[in-house]
Amino acid sequence: MLPDFFIVGAPKAGTTSLYRYLKQHPDVFLPDIKEPNFFSSTELLADNLYYNAKIITDLQEYRALYSGDGDGRVRGDASVSYLFYPQVPQRIKEMVPDARIIIMLRNPVDRAYSHYLMDKRLGYVNISFEEIVMRQSTHKLQRLFYQQFVEIGLYADQVERYLKVFGENNVHIILFEDFAENAFDCLKQVCLFLDISPEYELKIEQHNAFGFPGNKISGWIYGSRLVRKCFGSILPKAGKKFLKDLVLSDKQKPPISREVVNTLWNLYEKDVERLSILLKRDLVTCWRNQDEN
């Protein structure tokens, strides 16, 4: 047993919501481990990323995720690390030649900052977004911070690799902005792409909503991986939500400086122009207008 389809990324572009929505569908099987990271395990282990994410390296263990799921259901893997690393598309192709690929993309400036804020909230990063973007930091993880927050947003090559390996008919691309505006319609298109019924009861709710510690004490509590792990161990299903509700406030995101936005767009603009040609959609105007407002 191997997956039939892959949600390959990008991080902070709606993949968690899509995973949870599809998990509700009676014709879809998705393992409880959202991101097995099997096809990117070599790179993740080499990078030694600071997330300590689950990484399955053994094929038998990977296959076991999809055993006993019942006949007639399409099986999926939602590992967002698959989009960034160049060798992954070919690895998937060699093992699952007819795989269907779902890619979710987001305004790269918004995605970068959202990713940074998440990691800051979780205690993974304690330097400013500006220092990382401007490469002013001497932090030992600066290279990985820059990769995760900035380089992942250079989408054109990443998308083009999947289009070349799998062909346009087997790659479905969703923009985060479209998904946020009309999740029902986007999900219907995904169902049609996967050849499953688009008619099913779907509970729409917001996943990974923004929240930030209201003060230094709550920031220390939520930013402690040990505290989060303890809550998750004591209350596996409700512990994480309880901790979030306890220490996170619904305050608005802190603004990004205009200098940082301009720096990022100087990096991203040519790439977004290429992506616009690939997707036949003017993303430069669309995304730049968002950042001008």
C-alpha atoms as a PDB file:
ATOM      1  CA  MET A   1       0.000   0.000   0.000  1.00  0.00           C
ATOM      2  CA  LEU A   2       1.251   3.424  -1.009  1.00  0.00           C
ATOM      3  CA  PRO A   3      -0.482   6.809  -1.342  1.00  0.00           C
ATOM      4  CA  ASP A   4      -2.433   7.718  -4.456  1.00  0.00           C
ATOM      5  CA  PHE A   5      -2.053  11.465  -3.978  1.00  0.00           C
ATOM      6  CA  PHE A   6       0.316  13.885  -2.262  1.00  0.00           C
ATOM      7  CA  ILE A   7      -0.279  17.318  -0.746  1.00  0.00           C
ATOM      8  CA  VAL A   8       3.301  18.494  -1.140  1.00  0.00           C
ATOM      9  CA  GLY A   9       3.217  22.049   0.240  1.00  0.00           C
ATOM     10  CA  ALA A  10       3.854  24.881   0.668  1.00  0.00           C
ATOM     11  CA  PRO A  11       4.006  25.303   4.458  1.00  0.00           C
ATOM     12  CA  LYS A  12       1.598  27.905   5.892  1.00  0.00           C
ATOM     13  CA  ALA A  13      -0.485  27.888   2.710  1.00  0.00           C
ATOM     14  CA  GLY A  14      -3.557  26.012   3.951  1.00  0.00           C
ATOM     15  CA  THR A  15      -2.321  22.425   3.785  1.00  0.00           C
ATOM     16  CA  THR A  16      -3.409  21.593   7.345  1.00  0.00           C
ATOM     17  CA  SER A  17      -6.955  22.724   6.618  1.00  0.00           C
ATOM     18  CA  LEU A  18      -7.034  20.760   3.361  1.00  0.00           C
ATOM     19  CA  TYR A  19      -5.717  17.656   5.148  1.00  0.00           C
ATOM     20  CA  ARG A  20      -8.405  17.910   7.827  1.00  0.00           C
ATOM     21  CA  TYR A  21     -11.198  18.564   5.353  1.00  0.00           C
ATOM     22  CA  LEU A  22     -10.221  15.616   3.151  1.00  0.00           C
ATOM     23  CA  LYS A  23      -9.876  13.425   6.230  1.00  0.00           C
ATOM     24  CA  GLN A  24     -13.627  13.890   6.722  1.00  0.00           C
ATOM     25  CA  HIS A  25     -14.394  12.477   3.262  1.00  0.00           C
ATOM     26  CA  PRO A  26     -15.570   8.839   3.279  1.00  0.00           C
ATOM     27  CA  ASP A  27     -13.650   8.130   0.063  1.00  0.00           C
ATOM     28  CA  VAL A  28     -10.295   9.388   1.404  1.00  0.00           C
ATOM     29  CA  PHE A  29      -7.804   7.811   3.764  1.00  0.00           C
ATOM     30  CA  LEU A  30      -5.171  10.024   5.361  1.00  0.00           C
ATOM     31  CA  PRO A  31      -3.018   8.663   8.201  1.00  0.00           C
ATOM     32  CA  ASP A  32      -3.070  10.364  11.579  1.00  0.00           C
ATOM     33  CA  ILE A  33       0.572  11.307  10.953  1.00  0.00           C
ATOM     34  CA  LYS A  34      -0.048  14.248   8.617  1.00  0.00           C
ATOM     35  CA  GLU A  35       3.566  14.510   7.472  1.00  0.00           C
ATOM     36  CA  PRO A  36       5.453  11.191   7.225  1.00  0.00           C
ATOM     37  CA  ASN A  37       8.245  12.988   5.284  1.00  0.00           C
ATOM     38  CA  PHE A  38       9.291   9.673   3.754  1.00  0.00           C
ATOM     39  CA  PHE A  39      10.330  10.993   0.329  1.00  0.00           C
ATOM     40  CA  SER A  40      12.253  13.950   1.793  1.00  0.00           C
ATOM     41  CA  SER A  41      13.807  12.067   4.700  1.00  0.00           C
ATOM     42  CA  THR A  42      17.342  12.225   3.261  1.00  0.00           C
ATOM     43  CA  GLU A  43      17.315  16.015   3.004  1.00  0.00           C
ATOM     44  CA  LEU A  44      15.540  16.600   6.306  1.00  0.00           C
ATOM     45  CA  LEU A  45      18.035  14.460   8.175  1.00  0.00           C
ATOM     46  CA  ALA A  46      20.942  16.180   6.403  1.00  0.00           C
ATOM     47  CA  ASP A  47      19.536  19.631   7.201  1.00  0.00           C
ATOM     48  CA  ASN A  48      18.927  18.628  10.818  1.00  0.00           C
ATOM     49  CA  LEU A  49      15.937  20.968  11.002  1.00  0.00           C
ATOM     50  CA  TYR A  50      15.047  22.316  14.399  1.00  0.00           C
ATOM     51  CA  TYR A  51      11.418  21.102  14.365  1.00  0.00           C
ATOM     52  CA  ASN A  52      12.208  17.524  15.434  1.00  0.00           C
ATOM     53  CA  ALA A  53       9.401  16.409  13.136  1.00  0.00           C
ATOM     54  CA  LYS A  54       8.454  12.785  12.580  1.00  0.00           C
ATOM     55  CA  ILE A  55      10.547  11.360   9.750  1.00  0.00           C
ATOM     56  CA  ILE A  56       9.821   7.883   8.412  1.00  0.00           C
ATOM     57  CA  THR A  57      12.823   6.421   6.635  1.00  0.00           C
ATOM     58  CA  ASP A  58      11.785   2.761   6.407  1.00  0.00           C
ATOM     59  CA  LEU A  59       9.609   1.714   3.454  1.00  0.00           C
ATOM     60  CA  GLN A  60       7.884  -1.028   5.416  1.00  0.00           C
ATOM     61  CA  GLU A  61       6.963   1.441   8.152  1.00  0.00           C
ATOM     62  CA  TYR A  62       5.726   3.891   5.523  1.00  0.00           C
ATOM     63  CA  ARG A  63       3.576   1.231   3.843  1.00  0.00           C
ATOM     64  CA  ALA A  64       2.169   0.274   7.243  1.00  0.00           C
ATOM     65  CA  LEU A  65       0.608   3.728   7.532  1.00  0.00           C
ATOM     66  CA  TYR A  66      -1.698   2.785   4.664  1.00  0.00           C
ATOM     67  CA  SER A  67      -2.552  -0.788   5.583  1.00  0.00           C
ATOM     68  CA  GLY A  68      -6.014  -1.729   6.772  1.00  0.00           C
ATOM     69  CA  ASP A  69      -7.630   1.444   5.464  1.00  0.00           C
ATOM     70  CA  GLY A  70     -10.399  -0.344   3.534  1.00  0.00           C
ATOM     71  CA  ASP A  71     -10.941  -0.821  -0.179  1.00  0.00           C
ATOM     72  CA  GLY A  72     -12.127   1.860  -2.531  1.00  0.00           C
ATOM     73  CA  ARG A  73     -10.570   4.847  -0.799  1.00  0.00           C
ATOM     74  CA  VAL A  74      -7.841   7.040  -2.200  1.00  0.00           C
ATOM     75  CA  ARG A  75      -4.849   7.346   0.095  1.00  0.00           C
ATOM     76  CA  GLY A  76      -2.892  10.524   0.696  1.00  0.00           C
ATOM     77  CA  ASP A  77       0.334  11.883   2.164  1.00  0.00           C
ATOM     78  CA  ALA A  78       0.409  15.560   3.237  1.00  0.00           C
ATOM     79  CA  SER A  79       4.116  16.236   3.802  1.00  0.00           C
ATOM     80  CA  VAL A  80       4.814  19.884   3.012  1.00  0.00           C
ATOM     81  CA  SER A  81       8.569  19.303   2.854  1.00  0.00           C
ATOM     82  CA  TYR A  82       8.097  17.542  -0.504  1.00  0.00           C
ATOM     83  CA  LEU A  83       7.757  20.786  -2.465  1.00  0.00           C
ATOM     84  CA  PHE A  84      11.091  22.408  -1.644  1.00  0.00           C
ATOM     85  CA  TYR A  85      13.637  19.634  -2.193  1.00  0.00           C
ATOM     86  CA  PRO A  86      14.560  19.052  -5.879  1.00  0.00           C
ATOM     87  CA  GLN A  87      14.892  15.246  -5.838  1.00  0.00           C
ATOM     88  CA  VAL A  88      11.527  14.482  -4.260  1.00  0.00           C
ATOM     89  CA  PRO A  89       9.274  14.595  -7.366  1.00  0.00           C
ATOM     90  CA  GLN A  90      11.337  11.945  -9.143  1.00  0.00           C
ATOM     91  CA  ARG A  91      11.407   9.740  -6.044  1.00  0.00           C
ATOM     92  CA  ILE A  92       7.637   9.853  -5.815  1.00  0.00           C
ATOM     93  CA  LYS A  93       7.331   9.189  -9.553  1.00  0.00           C
ATOM     94  CA  GLU A  94       9.529   6.089  -9.327  1.00  0.00           C
ATOM     95  CA  MET A  95       7.388   4.543  -6.598  1.00  0.00           C
ATOM     96  CA  VAL A  96       3.955   5.944  -7.511  1.00  0.00           C
ATOM     97  CA  PRO A  97       4.045   6.649 -11.272  1.00  0.00           C
ATOM     98  CA  ASP A  98       0.395   7.775 -11.467  1.00  0.00           C
ATOM     99  CA  ALA A  99       0.459   9.902  -8.338  1.00  0.00           C
ATOM    100  CA  ARG A 100      -1.692  12.996  -8.228  1.00  0.00           C
ATOM    101  CA  ILE A 101      -0.049  16.063  -6.784  1.00  0.00           C
ATOM    102  CA  ILE A 102      -1.734  18.917  -4.918  1.00  0.00           C
ATOM    103  CA  ILE A 103       0.245  22.121  -4.400  1.00  0.00           C
ATOM    104  CA  MET A 104      -0.975  25.028  -2.273  1.00  0.00           C
ATOM    105  CA  LEU A 105       0.719  28.410  -2.703  1.00  0.00           C
ATOM    106  CA  ARG A 106       0.447  31.712  -0.853  1.00  0.00           C
ATOM    107  CA  ASN A 107       1.715  35.245  -1.323  1.00  0.00           C
ATOM    108  CA  PRO A 108       5.389  34.535  -0.506  1.00  0.00           C
ATOM    109  CA  VAL A 109       5.811  37.591   1.735  1.00  0.00           C
ATOM    110  CA  ASP A 110       2.739  36.691   3.796  1.00  0.00           C
ATOM    111  CA  ARG A 111       3.792  33.054   3.876  1.00  0.00           C
ATOM    112  CA  ALA A 112       7.294  33.919   5.087  1.00  0.00           C
ATOM    113  CA  TYR A 113       6.026  36.137   7.891  1.00  0.00           C
ATOM    114  CA  SER A 114       3.298  33.689   8.921  1.00  0.00           C
ATOM    115  CA  HIS A 115       5.885  30.906   9.091  1.00  0.00           C
ATOM    116  CA  TYR A 116       8.192  33.090  11.186  1.00  0.00           C
ATOM    117  CA  LEU A 117       5.417  34.067  13.611  1.00  0.00           C
ATOM    118  CA  MET A 118       4.446  30.425  14.058  1.00  0.00           C
ATOM    119  CA  ASP A 119       8.021  29.402  14.823  1.00  0.00           C
ATOM    120  CA  LYS A 120       8.486  32.359  17.165  1.00  0.00           C
ATOM    121  CA  ARG A 121       5.294  31.476  19.020  1.00  0.00           C
ATOM    122  CA  LEU A 122       6.489  27.885  19.361  1.00  0.00           C
ATOM    123  CA  GLY A 123       9.835  28.963  20.758  1.00  0.00           C
ATOM    124  CA  TYR A 124      11.956  27.889  17.779  1.00  0.00           C
ATOM    125  CA  VAL A 125      13.251  31.363  16.943  1.00  0.00           C
ATOM    126  CA  ASN A 126      14.053  34.306  19.216  1.00  0.00           C
ATOM    127  CA  ILE A 127      15.559  36.806  16.779  1.00  0.00           C
ATOM    128  CA  SER A 128      13.680  39.326  14.680  1.00  0.00           C
ATOM    129  CA  PHE A 129      12.200  38.674  11.252  1.00  0.00           C
ATOM    130  CA  GLU A 130      14.156  41.655   9.943  1.00  0.00           C
ATOM    131  CA  GLU A 131      17.486  40.210  11.098  1.00  0.00           C
ATOM    132  CA  ILE A 132      16.744  36.960   9.289  1.00  0.00           C
ATOM    133  CA  VAL A 133      15.528  38.527   6.051  1.00  0.00           C
ATOM    134  CA  MET A 134      18.357  41.081   5.943  1.00  0.00           C
ATOM    135  CA  ARG A 135      20.874  38.375   6.884  1.00  0.00           C
ATOM    136  CA  GLN A 136      22.104  40.458   9.796  1.00  0.00           C
ATOM    137  CA  SER A 137      22.039  37.612  12.301  1.00  0.00           C
ATOM    138  CA  THR A 138      24.967  35.455  13.356  1.00  0.00           C
ATOM    139  CA  HIS A 139      22.648  32.914  14.964  1.00  0.00           C
ATOM    140  CA  LYS A 140      23.821  29.339  14.432  1.00  0.00           C
ATOM    141  CA  LEU A 141      20.478  28.511  12.748  1.00  0.00           C
ATOM    142  CA  GLN A 142      20.408  31.572  10.475  1.00  0.00           C
ATOM    143  CA  ARG A 143      20.836  29.447   7.336  1.00  0.00           C
ATOM    144  CA  LEU A 144      17.890  27.238   8.243  1.00  0.00           C
ATOM    145  CA  PHE A 145      15.773  30.204   9.326  1.00  0.00           C
ATOM    146  CA  TYR A 146      16.419  31.880   5.967  1.00  0.00           C
ATOM    147  CA  GLN A 147      15.627  28.663   4.137  1.00  0.00           C
ATOM    148  CA  GLN A 148      12.374  28.048   5.989  1.00  0.00           C
ATOM    149  CA  PHE A 149      11.034  31.589   5.963  1.00  0.00           C
ATOM    150  CA  VAL A 150      12.443  33.045   2.746  1.00  0.00           C
ATOM    151  CA  GLU A 151      13.755  30.478   0.244  1.00  0.00           C
ATOM    152  CA  ILE A 152      10.697  28.239   0.458  1.00  0.00           C
ATOM    153  CA  GLY A 153       8.741  31.151  -1.081  1.00  0.00           C
ATOM    154  CA  LEU A 154      10.681  30.917  -4.360  1.00  0.00           C
ATOM    155  CA  TYR A 155       8.003  28.738  -5.911  1.00  0.00           C
ATOM    156  CA  ALA A 156       8.655  28.753  -9.666  1.00  0.00           C
ATOM    157  CA  ASP A 157      11.313  26.023  -9.814  1.00  0.00           C
ATOM    158  CA  GLN A 158       9.488  23.972  -7.209  1.00  0.00           C
ATOM    159  CA  VAL A 159       6.222  23.988  -9.149  1.00  0.00           C
ATOM    160  CA  GLU A 160       7.918  23.504 -12.504  1.00  0.00           C
ATOM    161  CA  ARG A 161       9.640  20.340 -11.281  1.00  0.00           C
ATOM    162  CA  TYR A 162       6.315  18.698 -10.464  1.00  0.00           C
ATOM    163  CA  LEU A 163       4.741  19.816 -13.737  1.00  0.00           C
ATOM    164  CA  LYS A 164       7.644  18.339 -15.702  1.00  0.00           C
ATOM    165  CA  VAL A 165       7.728  15.049 -13.785  1.00  0.00           C
ATOM    166  CA  PHE A 166       3.976  14.403 -13.500  1.00  0.00           C
ATOM    167  CA  GLY A 167       2.429  16.528 -16.259  1.00  0.00           C
ATOM    168  CA  GLU A 168      -0.149  19.279 -15.934  1.00  0.00           C
ATOM    169  CA  ASN A 169      -3.089  16.866 -15.760  1.00  0.00           C
ATOM    170  CA  ASN A 170      -1.731  15.231 -12.619  1.00  0.00           C
ATOM    171  CA  VAL A 171      -0.875  18.433 -10.746  1.00  0.00           C
ATOM    172  CA  HIS A 172      -3.568  20.536  -9.084  1.00  0.00           C
ATOM    173  CA  ILE A 173      -2.587  23.958  -7.751  1.00  0.00           C
ATOM    174  CA  ILE A 174      -4.579  25.940  -5.188  1.00  0.00           C
ATOM    175  CA  LEU A 175      -3.901  29.504  -4.130  1.00  0.00           C
ATOM    176  CA  PHE A 176      -4.291  30.130  -0.422  1.00  0.00           C
ATOM    177  CA  GLU A 177      -6.167  33.344  -1.187  1.00  0.00           C
ATOM    178  CA  ASP A 178      -8.790  31.441  -3.245  1.00  0.00           C
ATOM    179  CA  PHE A 179      -9.044  28.768  -0.557  1.00  0.00           C
ATOM    180  CA  ALA A 180      -9.611  31.358   2.175  1.00  0.00           C
ATOM    181  CA  GLU A 181     -12.289  33.093   0.103  1.00  0.00           C
ATOM    182  CA  ASN A 182     -14.211  29.988  -1.005  1.00  0.00           C
ATOM    183  CA  ALA A 183     -13.117  26.746   0.612  1.00  0.00           C
ATOM    184  CA  PHE A 184     -16.195  24.860  -0.595  1.00  0.00           C
ATOM    185  CA  ASP A 185     -15.481  25.533  -4.252  1.00  0.00           C
ATOM    186  CA  CYS A 186     -11.766  24.717  -3.889  1.00  0.00           C
ATOM    187  CA  LEU A 187     -12.598  21.445  -2.130  1.00  0.00           C
ATOM    188  CA  LYS A 188     -15.058  20.509  -4.848  1.00  0.00           C
ATOM    189  CA  GLN A 189     -12.309  20.984  -7.442  1.00  0.00           C
ATOM    190  CA  VAL A 190      -9.960  18.828  -5.355  1.00  0.00           C
ATOM    191  CA  CYS A 191     -12.574  16.059  -5.188  1.00  0.00           C
ATOM    192  CA  LEU A 192     -13.010  16.156  -8.957  1.00  0.00           C
ATOM    193  CA  PHE A 193      -9.231  16.046  -9.375  1.00  0.00           C
ATOM    194  CA  LEU A 194      -9.043  12.956  -7.145  1.00  0.00           C
ATOM    195  CA  ASP A 195     -12.042  11.318  -8.859  1.00  0.00           C
ATOM    196  CA  ILE A 196     -14.068  11.151  -5.663  1.00  0.00           C
ATOM    197  CA  SER A 197     -17.560  12.428  -4.976  1.00  0.00           C
ATOM    198  CA  PRO A 198     -17.715  16.201  -4.446  1.00  0.00           C
ATOM    199  CA  GLU A 199     -21.018  15.730  -2.625  1.00  0.00           C
ATOM    200  CA  TYR A 200     -20.390  15.109   1.053  1.00  0.00           C
ATOM    201  CA  GLU A 201     -21.103  16.897   4.293  1.00  0.00           C
ATOM    202  CA  LEU A 202     -18.140  19.046   5.208  1.00  0.00           C
ATOM    203  CA  LYS A 203     -17.545  20.828   8.468  1.00  0.00           C
ATOM    204  CA  ILE A 204     -15.727  24.039   7.605  1.00  0.00           C
ATOM    205  CA  GLU A 205     -13.720  25.560  10.421  1.00  0.00           C
ATOM    206  CA  GLN A 206     -10.577  27.629  10.722  1.00  0.00           C
ATOM    207  CA  HIS A 207      -7.349  25.712  11.316  1.00  0.00           C
ATOM    208  CA  ASN A 208      -4.043  27.205  12.411  1.00  0.00           C
ATOM    209  CA  ALA A 209      -5.728  30.542  13.193  1.00  0.00           C
ATOM    210  CA  PHE A 210      -3.330  33.272  14.293  1.00  0.00           C
ATOM    211  CA  GLY A 211      -2.782  33.659  17.999  1.00  0.00           C
ATOM    212  CA  PHE A 212       0.106  35.085  19.937  1.00  0.00           C
ATOM    213  CA  PRO A 213       1.113  35.083  23.602  1.00  0.00           C
ATOM    214  CA  GLY A 214      -0.453  38.041  25.359  1.00  0.00           C
ATOM    215  CA  ASN A 215       2.569  38.674  27.586  1.00  0.00           C
ATOM    216  CA  LYS A 216       6.094  37.437  28.346  1.00  0.00           C
ATOM    217  CA  ILE A 217       4.913  34.817  30.855  1.00  0.00           C
ATOM    218  CA  SER A 218       2.413  33.239  28.471  1.00  0.00           C
ATOM    219  CA  GLY A 219       5.053  33.468  25.751  1.00  0.00           C
ATOM    220  CA  TRP A 220       7.489  31.527  27.912  1.00  0.00           C
ATOM    221  CA  ILE A 221       4.843  28.897  28.720  1.00  0.00           C
ATOM    222  CA  TYR A 222       3.746  28.298  25.135  1.00  0.00           C
ATOM    223  CA  GLY A 223       7.259  28.647  23.738  1.00  0.00           C
ATOM    224  CA  SER A 224       8.518  25.820  25.939  1.00  0.00           C
ATOM    225  CA  ARG A 225       8.583  22.578  23.966  1.00  0.00           C
ATOM    226  CA  LEU A 226       8.750  20.674  27.255  1.00  0.00           C
ATOM    227  CA  VAL A 227       5.520  22.287  28.509  1.00  0.00           C
ATOM    228  CA  ARG A 228       3.724  21.594  25.220  1.00  0.00           C
ATOM    229  CA  LYS A 229       4.951  17.996  25.272  1.00  0.00           C
ATOM    230  CA  CYS A 230       3.714  17.505  28.840  1.00  0.00           C
ATOM    231  CA  PHE A 231       0.255  18.829  27.991  1.00  0.00           C
ATOM    232  CA  GLY A 232       0.160  16.636  24.885  1.00  0.00           C
ATOM    233  CA  SER A 233       1.137  13.562  26.920  1.00  0.00           C
ATOM    234  CA  ILE A 234      -1.352  14.160  29.715  1.00  0.00           C
ATOM    235  CA  LEU A 235      -4.212  15.203  27.449  1.00  0.00           C
ATOM    236  CA  PRO A 236      -3.340  13.852  23.984  1.00  0.00           C
ATOM    237  CA  LYS A 237      -6.355  15.237  22.102  1.00  0.00           C
ATOM    238  CA  ALA A 238      -7.399  18.254  24.124  1.00  0.00           C
ATOM    239  CA  GLY A 239      -4.091  19.232  25.716  1.00  0.00           C
ATOM    240  CA  LYS A 240      -2.687  21.296  22.881  1.00  0.00           C
ATOM    241  CA  LYS A 241      -5.958  23.167  22.325  1.00  0.00           C
ATOM    242  CA  PHE A 242      -6.332  23.815  26.051  1.00  0.00           C
ATOM    243  CA  LEU A 243      -2.832  25.240  26.222  1.00  0.00           C
ATOM    244  CA  LYS A 244      -3.452  27.437  23.186  1.00  0.00           C
ATOM    245  CA  ASP A 245      -6.706  28.794  24.623  1.00  0.00           C
ATOM    246  CA  LEU A 246      -5.001  29.407  27.946  1.00  0.00           C
ATOM    247  CA  VAL A 247      -2.007  31.436  26.826  1.00  0.00           C
ATOM    248  CA  LEU A 248      -2.677  32.764  23.309  1.00  0.00           C
ATOM    249  CA  SER A 249      -4.616  35.922  22.607  1.00  0.00           C
ATOM    250  CA  ASP A 250      -6.413  36.944  19.426  1.00  0.00           C
ATOM    251  CA  LYS A 251      -4.322  40.081  19.028  1.00  0.00           C
ATOM    252  CA  GLN A 252      -3.556  41.240  15.495  1.00  0.00           C
ATOM    253  CA  LYS A 253      -0.337  40.282  13.808  1.00  0.00           C
ATOM    254  CA  PRO A 254       2.453  42.785  14.391  1.00  0.00           C
ATOM    255  CA  PRO A 255       3.146  44.686  11.147  1.00  0.00           C
ATOM    256  CA  ILE A 256       6.157  44.065   8.910  1.00  0.00           C
ATOM    257  CA  SER A 257       8.327  47.066   8.156  1.00  0.00           C
ATOM    258  CA  ARG A 258       8.124  48.485   4.649  1.00  0.00           C
ATOM    259  CA  GLU A 259      11.887  47.958   4.273  1.00  0.00           C
ATOM    260  CA  VAL A 260      11.517  44.216   4.908  1.00  0.00           C
ATOM    261  CA  VAL A 261       8.562  43.940   2.525  1.00  0.00           C
ATOM    262  CA  ASN A 262      10.529  45.728  -0.205  1.00  0.00           C
ATOM    263  CA  THR A 263      13.563  43.529   0.386  1.00  0.00           C
ATOM    264  CA  LEU A 264      11.467  40.394   0.037  1.00  0.00           C
ATOM    265  CA  TRP A 265       9.751  41.631  -3.105  1.00  0.00           C
ATOM    266  CA  ASN A 266      13.101  42.471  -4.664  1.00  0.00           C
ATOM    267  CA  LEU A 267      13.916  38.807  -4.174  1.00  0.00           C
ATOM    268  CA  TYR A 268      10.540  37.343  -5.151  1.00  0.00           C
ATOM    269  CA  GLU A 269       9.328  39.489  -8.053  1.00  0.00           C
ATOM    270  CA  LYS A 270      11.131  37.745 -10.942  1.00  0.00           C
ATOM    271  CA  ASP A 271      10.209  34.368  -9.489  1.00  0.00           C
ATOM    272  CA  VAL A 272       6.533  35.352  -9.194  1.00  0.00           C
ATOM    273  CA  GLU A 273       6.627  36.561 -12.805  1.00  0.00           C
ATOM    274  CA  ARG A 274       7.824  33.080 -13.871  1.00  0.00           C
ATOM    275  CA  LEU A 275       5.170  31.456 -11.706  1.00  0.00           C
ATOM    276  CA  SER A 276       2.511  33.668 -13.281  1.00  0.00           C
ATOM    277  CA  ILE A 277       3.494  32.339 -16.705  1.00  0.00           C
ATOM    278  CA  LEU A 278       3.403  28.738 -15.456  1.00  0.00           C
ATOM    279  CA  LEU A 279      -0.046  29.173 -13.892  1.00  0.00           C
ATOM    280  CA  LYS A 280      -1.385  31.568 -16.530  1.00  0.00           C
ATOM    281  CA  ARG A 281      -2.433  34.023 -13.853  1.00  0.00           C
ATOM    282  CA  ASP A 282      -1.134  37.485 -12.932  1.00  0.00           C
ATOM    283  CA  LEU A 283       0.178  36.790  -9.445  1.00  0.00           C
ATOM    284  CA  VAL A 284       2.550  39.771  -9.368  1.00  0.00           C
ATOM    285  CA  THR A 285      -0.349  42.249  -9.400  1.00  0.00           C
ATOM    286  CA  CYS A 286      -2.495  40.074  -7.138  1.00  0.00           C
ATOM    287  CA  TRP A 287       0.096  39.526  -4.433  1.00  0.00           C
ATOM    288  CA  ARG A 288       1.828  42.902  -4.614  1.00  0.00           C
ATOM    289  CA  ASN A 289      -1.505  44.681  -4.201  1.00  0.00           C
ATOM    290  CA  GLN A 290      -2.044  42.724  -0.991  1.00  0.00           C
ATOM    291  CA  ASP A 291       1.261  43.952   0.391  1.00  0.00           C
ATOM    292  CA  GLU A 292       0.642  47.539  -0.680  1.00  0.00           C
ATOM    293  CA  ASN A 293      -2.597  47.702   1.345  1.00  0.00           C
END
